[in-house]
């Protein structure tokens, strides 16, 4: 399993790319990828990120309670 965390609009201005950062399990490698997007892509991106956020919340829930 890889965890993703976004930095899509870091300075509050709309940009046309999405940066994703991955923390690989096993060896502590981090990787990043920049995806070119359009404003029309935003609903699909938000949906995709929301699903990953559910997984991350579920993983951390035992530590946050």
N, C-alpha and C. Protein backbone atom coordinates (compact mmCIF):
# COMPACT_ATOMS: atom_id res chain seq x y z
N UNK A 1 0.84 -1.17 0.00
CA UNK A 1 0.00 0.00 0.00
C UNK A 1 0.89 1.23 0.00
N UNK A 2 0.51 2.22 -0.76
CA UNK A 2 1.22 3.49 -0.80
C UNK A 2 0.26 4.58 -0.35
N UNK A 3 0.77 5.55 0.35
CA UNK A 3 -0.06 6.65 0.83
C UNK A 3 0.21 7.88 -0.02
N UNK A 4 -0.84 8.57 -0.37
CA UNK A 4 -0.72 9.77 -1.20
C UNK A 4 -1.11 10.98 -0.36
N UNK A 5 -0.45 12.08 -0.60
CA UNK A 5 -0.88 13.32 0.02
C UNK A 5 -0.71 14.44 -0.99
N UNK A 6 -1.75 15.26 -1.16
CA UNK A 6 -1.75 16.26 -2.22
C UNK A 6 -1.21 17.62 -1.77
N UNK A 7 -0.73 18.35 -2.71
CA UNK A 7 -0.39 19.76 -2.51
C UNK A 7 -0.82 20.45 -3.79
N UNK A 8 -2.15 20.49 -4.00
CA UNK A 8 -2.65 20.92 -5.29
C UNK A 8 -2.63 22.42 -5.50
N UNK A 9 -3.00 23.21 -4.52
CA UNK A 9 -2.99 24.66 -4.65
C UNK A 9 -2.21 25.25 -3.48
N UNK A 10 -0.89 25.10 -3.45
CA UNK A 10 -0.11 25.44 -2.25
C UNK A 10 -0.14 26.91 -1.85
N UNK A 11 -0.29 27.82 -2.77
CA UNK A 11 -0.26 29.24 -2.41
C UNK A 11 -1.62 29.91 -2.60
N UNK A 12 -2.67 29.12 -2.73
CA UNK A 12 -4.01 29.68 -2.86
C UNK A 12 -4.38 30.09 -4.27
N UNK A 13 -3.46 30.03 -5.20
CA UNK A 13 -3.75 30.37 -6.59
C UNK A 13 -4.00 29.09 -7.38
N UNK A 14 -4.96 29.17 -8.28
CA UNK A 14 -5.27 28.00 -9.08
C UNK A 14 -4.12 27.69 -10.02
N UNK A 15 -3.65 26.47 -9.95
CA UNK A 15 -2.58 25.99 -10.82
C UNK A 15 -3.15 24.89 -11.70
N UNK A 16 -2.43 24.52 -12.72
CA UNK A 16 -2.94 23.52 -13.64
C UNK A 16 -2.13 22.24 -13.59
N UNK A 17 -1.70 21.89 -12.40
CA UNK A 17 -1.06 20.60 -12.17
C UNK A 17 -1.34 20.18 -10.74
N UNK A 18 -1.22 18.91 -10.49
CA UNK A 18 -1.43 18.33 -9.17
C UNK A 18 -0.16 17.62 -8.78
N UNK A 19 0.40 17.97 -7.64
CA UNK A 19 1.57 17.27 -7.12
C UNK A 19 1.10 16.22 -6.13
N UNK A 20 1.53 14.98 -6.33
CA UNK A 20 1.24 13.90 -5.39
C UNK A 20 2.55 13.37 -4.86
N UNK A 21 2.57 13.08 -3.57
CA UNK A 21 3.76 12.58 -2.92
C UNK A 21 3.42 11.23 -2.31
N UNK A 22 4.27 10.25 -2.54
CA UNK A 22 4.04 8.88 -2.09
C UNK A 22 5.12 8.48 -1.10
N UNK A 23 4.69 7.87 0.01
CA UNK A 23 5.62 7.27 0.96
C UNK A 23 5.52 5.76 0.75
N UNK A 24 6.60 5.16 0.28
CA UNK A 24 6.60 3.73 0.01
C UNK A 24 6.82 2.97 1.31
N UNK A 25 6.13 1.84 1.44
CA UNK A 25 6.32 1.02 2.63
C UNK A 25 7.53 0.13 2.45
N UNK A 26 8.01 -0.39 3.56
CA UNK A 26 9.22 -1.21 3.53
C UNK A 26 10.41 -0.30 3.70
N UNK A 27 11.04 0.04 2.63
CA UNK A 27 12.14 1.01 2.70
C UNK A 27 11.52 2.41 2.68
N UNK A 28 12.07 3.31 3.44
CA UNK A 28 11.44 4.64 3.56
C UNK A 28 11.73 5.55 2.37
N UNK A 29 11.21 5.17 1.21
CA UNK A 29 11.39 6.00 0.02
C UNK A 29 10.19 6.91 -0.16
N UNK A 30 10.45 8.12 -0.55
CA UNK A 30 9.34 8.97 -0.95
C UNK A 30 9.54 9.34 -2.42
N UNK A 31 8.45 9.40 -3.12
CA UNK A 31 8.44 9.72 -4.54
C UNK A 31 7.38 10.78 -4.78
N UNK A 32 7.54 11.50 -5.86
CA UNK A 32 6.51 12.48 -6.21
C UNK A 32 6.24 12.40 -7.70
N UNK A 33 5.07 12.87 -8.06
CA UNK A 33 4.67 12.91 -9.46
C UNK A 33 3.85 14.18 -9.66
N UNK A 34 4.02 14.83 -10.77
CA UNK A 34 3.24 16.02 -11.12
C UNK A 34 2.33 15.64 -12.28
N UNK A 35 1.03 15.85 -12.08
CA UNK A 35 0.02 15.50 -13.07
C UNK A 35 -0.57 16.79 -13.62
N UNK A 36 -0.56 16.95 -14.92
CA UNK A 36 -1.18 18.11 -15.55
C UNK A 36 -2.70 17.93 -15.52
N UNK A 37 -3.40 18.96 -15.08
CA UNK A 37 -4.86 18.90 -14.98
C UNK A 37 -5.47 20.19 -15.52
N UNK A 38 -6.77 20.15 -15.68
CA UNK A 38 -7.53 21.35 -16.04
C UNK A 38 -8.56 21.60 -14.95
N UNK A 39 -9.13 22.79 -14.86
CA UNK A 39 -10.17 23.02 -13.86
C UNK A 39 -11.33 22.04 -13.98
N UNK A 40 -11.61 21.58 -15.17
CA UNK A 40 -12.70 20.61 -15.36
C UNK A 40 -12.38 19.26 -14.70
N UNK A 41 -11.09 18.97 -14.47
CA UNK A 41 -10.69 17.72 -13.84
C UNK A 41 -10.92 17.72 -12.33
N UNK A 42 -11.12 18.89 -11.74
CA UNK A 42 -11.15 19.00 -10.29
C UNK A 42 -12.18 18.10 -9.61
N UNK A 43 -13.42 17.99 -10.08
CA UNK A 43 -14.37 17.09 -9.40
C UNK A 43 -13.87 15.64 -9.35
N UNK A 44 -13.32 15.15 -10.42
CA UNK A 44 -12.81 13.77 -10.44
C UNK A 44 -11.61 13.62 -9.52
N UNK A 45 -10.75 14.63 -9.48
CA UNK A 45 -9.58 14.58 -8.60
C UNK A 45 -10.02 14.58 -7.14
N UNK A 46 -10.96 15.44 -6.81
CA UNK A 46 -11.46 15.48 -5.42
C UNK A 46 -12.08 14.14 -5.02
N UNK A 47 -12.82 13.53 -5.93
CA UNK A 47 -13.41 12.22 -5.64
C UNK A 47 -12.32 11.18 -5.40
N UNK A 48 -11.31 11.16 -6.25
CA UNK A 48 -10.20 10.22 -6.13
C UNK A 48 -9.47 10.42 -4.80
N UNK A 49 -9.19 11.68 -4.45
CA UNK A 49 -8.50 11.97 -3.20
C UNK A 49 -9.35 11.63 -1.99
N UNK A 50 -10.66 11.84 -2.07
CA UNK A 50 -11.55 11.54 -0.95
C UNK A 50 -11.52 10.06 -0.61
N UNK A 51 -11.47 9.21 -1.62
CA UNK A 51 -11.38 7.76 -1.38
C UNK A 51 -10.08 7.41 -0.66
N UNK A 52 -8.98 8.01 -1.06
CA UNK A 52 -7.70 7.75 -0.40
C UNK A 52 -7.68 8.31 1.01
N UNK A 53 -8.36 9.43 1.22
CA UNK A 53 -8.43 10.02 2.56
C UNK A 53 -9.17 9.09 3.52
N UNK A 54 -10.21 8.40 3.04
CA UNK A 54 -10.93 7.44 3.88
C UNK A 54 -9.99 6.34 4.35
N UNK A 55 -9.17 5.84 3.45
CA UNK A 55 -8.21 4.79 3.81
C UNK A 55 -7.21 5.30 4.84
N UNK A 56 -6.70 6.49 4.63
CA UNK A 56 -5.72 7.04 5.56
C UNK A 56 -6.35 7.28 6.94
N UNK A 57 -7.59 7.79 6.98
CA UNK A 57 -8.26 7.99 8.27
C UNK A 57 -8.45 6.66 8.98
N UNK A 58 -8.87 5.64 8.24
CA UNK A 58 -9.08 4.32 8.84
C UNK A 58 -7.79 3.76 9.41
N UNK A 59 -6.68 3.97 8.71
CA UNK A 59 -5.39 3.47 9.19
C UNK A 59 -4.95 4.17 10.47
N UNK A 60 -5.20 5.47 10.57
CA UNK A 60 -4.73 6.26 11.71
C UNK A 60 -5.72 6.29 12.86
N UNK A 61 -6.95 5.86 12.65
CA UNK A 61 -7.99 5.92 13.68
C UNK A 61 -7.56 5.33 15.02
N UNK A 62 -6.93 4.14 15.04
CA UNK A 62 -6.53 3.58 16.34
C UNK A 62 -5.56 4.48 17.12
N UNK A 63 -4.76 5.25 16.42
CA UNK A 63 -3.78 6.10 17.08
C UNK A 63 -4.38 7.44 17.51
N UNK A 64 -5.49 7.83 16.89
CA UNK A 64 -6.09 9.13 17.16
C UNK A 64 -7.15 9.08 18.25
N UNK A 65 -7.63 7.88 18.56
CA UNK A 65 -8.71 7.74 19.55
C UNK A 65 -8.21 7.89 20.97
